[in-house]
Amino acid sequence: MNFQNWGFSDLSVSKEYDSKKYYLFERLGFNTIAINSYVEETDEEPKKKKRKGEIKEKKRFYSSPYRYLQ
């Protein structure tokens, strides 16, 4: 992939695509194709079926630091 199309040529990320550099882009608040297509491996348990009367927890993902300022 080429980040020069998005104007990130000053950040040398065209060689390696590791999680730290994707995390850098997420902290800067850039929603690029690379971040949206990148899937991080997690050690989460498989989702259980929701029982009746059970409240579902909502997970918030803070991709941009300025998105949830409440």
N, C-alpha and C. Protein backbone atom coordinates (compact mmCIF):
# COMPACT_ATOMS: atom_id res chain seq x y z
N MET A 1 0.83 -1.19 0.00
CA MET A 1 0.00 0.00 0.00
C MET A 1 0.87 1.25 0.00
N ASN A 2 0.32 2.32 -0.47
CA ASN A 2 1.08 3.55 -0.59
C ASN A 2 0.38 4.66 0.17
N PHE A 3 1.07 5.20 1.18
CA PHE A 3 0.46 6.24 1.99
C PHE A 3 0.67 7.63 1.40
N GLN A 4 1.40 7.73 0.29
CA GLN A 4 1.64 9.05 -0.29
C GLN A 4 0.36 9.64 -0.86
N ASN A 5 -0.61 8.78 -1.21
CA ASN A 5 -1.86 9.30 -1.75
C ASN A 5 -2.63 10.08 -0.68
N TRP A 6 -2.45 9.71 0.60
CA TRP A 6 -3.18 10.39 1.67
C TRP A 6 -2.34 11.50 2.29
N GLY A 7 -1.14 11.73 1.79
CA GLY A 7 -0.30 12.79 2.34
C GLY A 7 0.45 12.40 3.58
N PHE A 8 0.77 11.10 3.74
CA PHE A 8 1.55 10.67 4.89
C PHE A 8 2.95 10.27 4.46
N SER A 9 3.48 10.95 3.46
CA SER A 9 4.80 10.55 2.96
C SER A 9 5.89 10.87 3.98
N ASP A 10 5.64 11.85 4.88
CA ASP A 10 6.66 12.19 5.87
C ASP A 10 6.78 11.10 6.92
N LEU A 11 5.70 10.36 7.19
CA LEU A 11 5.77 9.23 8.12
C LEU A 11 6.14 7.99 7.33
N SER A 12 7.30 7.41 7.66
CA SER A 12 7.78 6.28 6.87
C SER A 12 7.09 5.01 7.34
N VAL A 13 5.92 4.73 6.75
CA VAL A 13 5.19 3.52 7.12
C VAL A 13 5.00 2.61 5.93
N SER A 14 5.66 2.92 4.82
CA SER A 14 5.46 2.10 3.63
C SER A 14 6.26 0.80 3.68
N LYS A 15 7.20 0.69 4.62
CA LYS A 15 8.04 -0.51 4.67
C LYS A 15 7.39 -1.60 5.53
N GLU A 16 7.02 -1.24 6.76
CA GLU A 16 6.47 -2.24 7.69
C GLU A 16 5.08 -1.83 8.11
N TYR A 17 4.22 -2.82 8.32
CA TYR A 17 2.87 -2.58 8.80
C TYR A 17 2.67 -3.36 10.09
N ASP A 18 3.19 -2.82 11.18
CA ASP A 18 2.98 -3.50 12.45
C ASP A 18 1.96 -2.73 13.27
N SER A 19 1.55 -3.33 14.37
CA SER A 19 0.43 -2.77 15.13
C SER A 19 0.77 -1.42 15.74
N LYS A 20 2.05 -1.17 16.03
CA LYS A 20 2.40 0.11 16.65
C LYS A 20 2.14 1.27 15.70
N LYS A 21 2.45 1.07 14.42
CA LYS A 21 2.24 2.17 13.47
C LYS A 21 0.76 2.38 13.18
N TYR A 22 -0.01 1.28 13.16
CA TYR A 22 -1.45 1.45 13.03
C TYR A 22 -2.02 2.15 14.25
N TYR A 23 -1.47 1.83 15.43
CA TYR A 23 -1.91 2.50 16.65
C TYR A 23 -1.57 3.98 16.59
N LEU A 24 -0.42 4.32 16.00
CA LEU A 24 -0.05 5.73 15.83
C LEU A 24 -1.07 6.46 14.97
N PHE A 25 -1.50 5.84 13.88
CA PHE A 25 -2.50 6.46 13.03
C PHE A 25 -3.83 6.59 13.76
N GLU A 26 -4.19 5.58 14.58
CA GLU A 26 -5.45 5.65 15.31
C GLU A 26 -5.40 6.77 16.35
N ARG A 27 -4.27 6.94 17.02
CA ARG A 27 -4.17 7.98 18.04
C ARG A 27 -4.21 9.36 17.39
N LEU A 28 -3.67 9.48 16.19
CA LEU A 28 -3.71 10.78 15.50
C LEU A 28 -5.10 11.08 14.95
N GLY A 29 -5.96 10.06 14.88
CA GLY A 29 -7.33 10.30 14.47
C GLY A 29 -7.55 10.20 12.99
N PHE A 30 -6.66 9.51 12.27
CA PHE A 30 -6.85 9.36 10.83
C PHE A 30 -7.67 8.10 10.56
N ASN A 31 -8.76 8.23 9.84
CA ASN A 31 -9.53 7.07 9.43
C ASN A 31 -9.16 6.76 7.98
N THR A 32 -8.17 5.90 7.82
CA THR A 32 -7.70 5.57 6.48
C THR A 32 -8.15 4.16 6.13
N ILE A 33 -7.97 3.81 4.88
CA ILE A 33 -8.32 2.47 4.42
C ILE A 33 -7.48 1.44 5.14
N ALA A 34 -6.24 1.78 5.43
CA ALA A 34 -5.33 0.82 6.05
C ALA A 34 -5.79 0.47 7.47
N ILE A 35 -6.24 1.47 8.22
CA ILE A 35 -6.69 1.20 9.59
C ILE A 35 -7.98 0.39 9.56
N ASN A 36 -8.91 0.79 8.69
CA ASN A 36 -10.21 0.13 8.67
C ASN A 36 -10.09 -1.32 8.21
N SER A 37 -9.09 -1.62 7.36
CA SER A 37 -8.96 -2.99 6.87
C SER A 37 -8.06 -3.83 7.76
N TYR A 38 -7.36 -3.20 8.70
CA TYR A 38 -6.43 -3.93 9.57
C TYR A 38 -7.19 -4.55 10.72
N VAL A 39 -7.02 -5.85 10.93
CA VAL A 39 -7.71 -6.57 12.00
C VAL A 39 -6.67 -7.04 12.99
N GLU A 40 -6.86 -6.66 14.25
CA GLU A 40 -5.90 -7.04 15.29
C GLU A 40 -6.37 -8.33 15.94
N GLU A 41 -5.42 -9.24 16.22
CA GLU A 41 -5.77 -10.49 16.88
C GLU A 41 -6.02 -10.23 18.36
N THR A 42 -7.14 -10.73 18.86
CA THR A 42 -7.47 -10.55 20.27
C THR A 42 -7.64 -11.91 20.93
N ASP A 43 -7.48 -11.92 22.24
CA ASP A 43 -7.66 -13.14 23.03
C ASP A 43 -9.03 -13.19 23.68
N GLU A 44 -10.04 -12.64 23.00
CA GLU A 44 -11.38 -12.62 23.57
C GLU A 44 -12.03 -14.00 23.49
N GLU A 45 -12.91 -14.27 24.47
CA GLU A 45 -13.66 -15.51 24.43
C GLU A 45 -14.72 -15.42 23.34
N PRO A 46 -15.13 -16.55 22.78
CA PRO A 46 -16.20 -16.51 21.78
C PRO A 46 -17.49 -15.99 22.40
N LYS A 47 -18.26 -15.24 21.60
CA LYS A 47 -19.45 -14.56 22.12
C LYS A 47 -20.50 -15.60 22.52
N LYS A 48 -21.06 -15.39 23.71
CA LYS A 48 -22.12 -16.28 24.18
C LYS A 48 -23.46 -15.75 23.69
N LYS A 49 -24.41 -16.67 23.58
CA LYS A 49 -25.75 -16.27 23.16
C LYS A 49 -26.41 -15.47 24.27
N LYS A 50 -27.15 -14.45 23.87
CA LYS A 50 -27.81 -13.57 24.85
C LYS A 50 -29.05 -14.26 25.40
N ARG A 51 -29.10 -14.34 26.74
CA ARG A 51 -30.26 -14.94 27.37
C ARG A 51 -31.37 -13.91 27.53
N LYS A 52 -32.57 -14.39 27.80
CA LYS A 52 -33.70 -13.48 27.96
C LYS A 52 -33.53 -12.67 29.24
N GLY A 53 -33.76 -11.36 29.14
CA GLY A 53 -33.66 -10.50 30.31
C GLY A 53 -32.24 -10.08 30.64
N GLU A 54 -31.28 -10.46 29.81
CA GLU A 54 -29.89 -10.11 30.07
C GLU A 54 -29.55 -8.82 29.30
N ILE A 55 -28.93 -7.89 29.99
CA ILE A 55 -28.59 -6.61 29.36
C ILE A 55 -27.28 -6.77 28.61
N LYS A 56 -27.29 -6.34 27.35
CA LYS A 56 -26.11 -6.45 26.51
C LYS A 56 -25.18 -5.27 26.77
N GLU A 57 -23.91 -5.56 27.01
CA GLU A 57 -22.94 -4.50 27.23
C GLU A 57 -22.51 -3.90 25.90
N LYS A 58 -22.42 -2.58 25.90
CA LYS A 58 -21.96 -1.90 24.69
C LYS A 58 -20.48 -1.62 24.82
N LYS A 59 -19.72 -2.00 23.78
CA LYS A 59 -18.29 -1.73 23.76
C LYS A 59 -18.04 -0.50 22.92
N ARG A 60 -17.22 0.40 23.45
CA ARG A 60 -16.87 1.61 22.71
C ARG A 60 -15.43 1.50 22.25
N PHE A 61 -15.21 1.80 20.97
CA PHE A 61 -13.86 1.78 20.42
C PHE A 61 -13.46 3.22 20.13
N TYR A 62 -12.41 3.67 20.81
CA TYR A 62 -11.97 5.06 20.67
C TYR A 62 -10.89 5.12 19.59
N SER A 63 -11.33 5.17 18.33
CA SER A 63 -10.34 5.27 17.26
C SER A 63 -9.81 6.68 17.15
N SER A 64 -10.64 7.67 17.44
CA SER A 64 -10.20 9.06 17.40
C SER A 64 -10.32 9.65 18.80
N PRO A 65 -9.30 10.36 19.27
CA PRO A 65 -9.36 10.88 20.64
C PRO A 65 -10.40 11.98 20.83
N TYR A 66 -10.84 12.61 19.75
CA TYR A 66 -11.79 13.71 19.87
C TYR A 66 -13.22 13.29 19.59
N ARG A 67 -13.47 12.00 19.39
CA ARG A 67 -14.80 11.57 19.01
C ARG A 67 -15.75 11.57 20.20
N TYR A 68 -15.27 11.06 21.35
CA TYR A 68 -16.14 10.97 22.52
C TYR A 68 -15.61 11.94 23.59
N LEU A 69 -16.04 13.17 23.51
CA LEU A 69 -15.69 14.14 24.54
C LEU A 69 -16.97 14.51 25.27
N GLN A 70 -17.29 13.73 26.29
CA GLN A 70 -18.52 13.98 27.04
C GLN A 70 -18.23 13.98 28.53
